[in-house]
Amino acid sequence: MLAKYSYIFSLFTYKFIESCLLESLSLNYLYLELQNSKLRST
């Protein structure tokens, strides 16, 4: 029973970390795009 709970918990933790990583990656991408557009406009 405990193994089942720990499996579910690790699955949720993995999903949470994965979404956080994806979000930070997309934010970094947007930031880089903004920097590139500023460089192009000058």
Protein backbone atom coordinates (compact mmCIF):
# COMPACT_ATOMS: atom_id res chain seq x y z
CA MET A 1 0.00 0.00 0.00
CA LEU A 2 2.78 2.38 0.93
CA ALA A 3 4.66 1.60 -2.27
CA LYS A 4 1.59 2.57 -4.27
CA TYR A 5 1.40 5.93 -2.50
CA SER A 6 5.10 6.65 -2.98
CA TYR A 7 4.77 5.81 -6.67
CA ILE A 8 1.87 8.23 -7.09
CA PHE A 9 3.73 10.87 -5.09
CA SER A 10 6.87 10.55 -7.22
CA LEU A 11 4.74 10.73 -10.36
CA PHE A 12 3.15 13.98 -9.19
CA THR A 13 6.53 15.37 -8.17
CA TYR A 14 7.97 14.50 -11.58
CA LYS A 15 5.06 16.14 -13.38
CA PHE A 16 5.39 19.24 -11.22
CA ILE A 17 9.14 19.55 -11.87
CA GLU A 18 8.58 18.91 -15.57
CA SER A 19 6.01 21.70 -15.85
CA CYS A 20 8.27 24.08 -13.91
CA LEU A 21 11.16 23.30 -16.24
CA LEU A 22 9.01 23.77 -19.32
CA GLU A 23 7.73 27.07 -18.01
CA SER A 24 11.20 28.40 -17.23
CA LEU A 25 12.45 27.25 -20.64
CA SER A 26 9.64 29.04 -22.45
CA LEU A 27 10.23 32.17 -20.36
CA ASN A 28 13.93 32.10 -21.26
CA TYR A 29 12.99 31.68 -24.90
CA LEU A 30 10.64 34.67 -24.77
CA TYR A 31 13.31 36.75 -23.06
CA LEU A 32 15.84 35.87 -25.74
CA GLU A 33 13.34 36.74 -28.45
CA LEU A 34 12.80 40.15 -26.85
CA GLN A 35 16.54 40.76 -26.70
CA ASN A 36 16.89 39.78 -30.36
CA SER A 37 14.10 42.09 -31.47
CA LYS A 38 15.69 44.97 -29.55
CA LEU A 39 19.00 44.29 -31.27
CA ARG A 40 17.31 44.22 -34.67
CA SER A 41 15.40 47.46 -34.12
CA THR A 42 18.49 49.52 -33.26
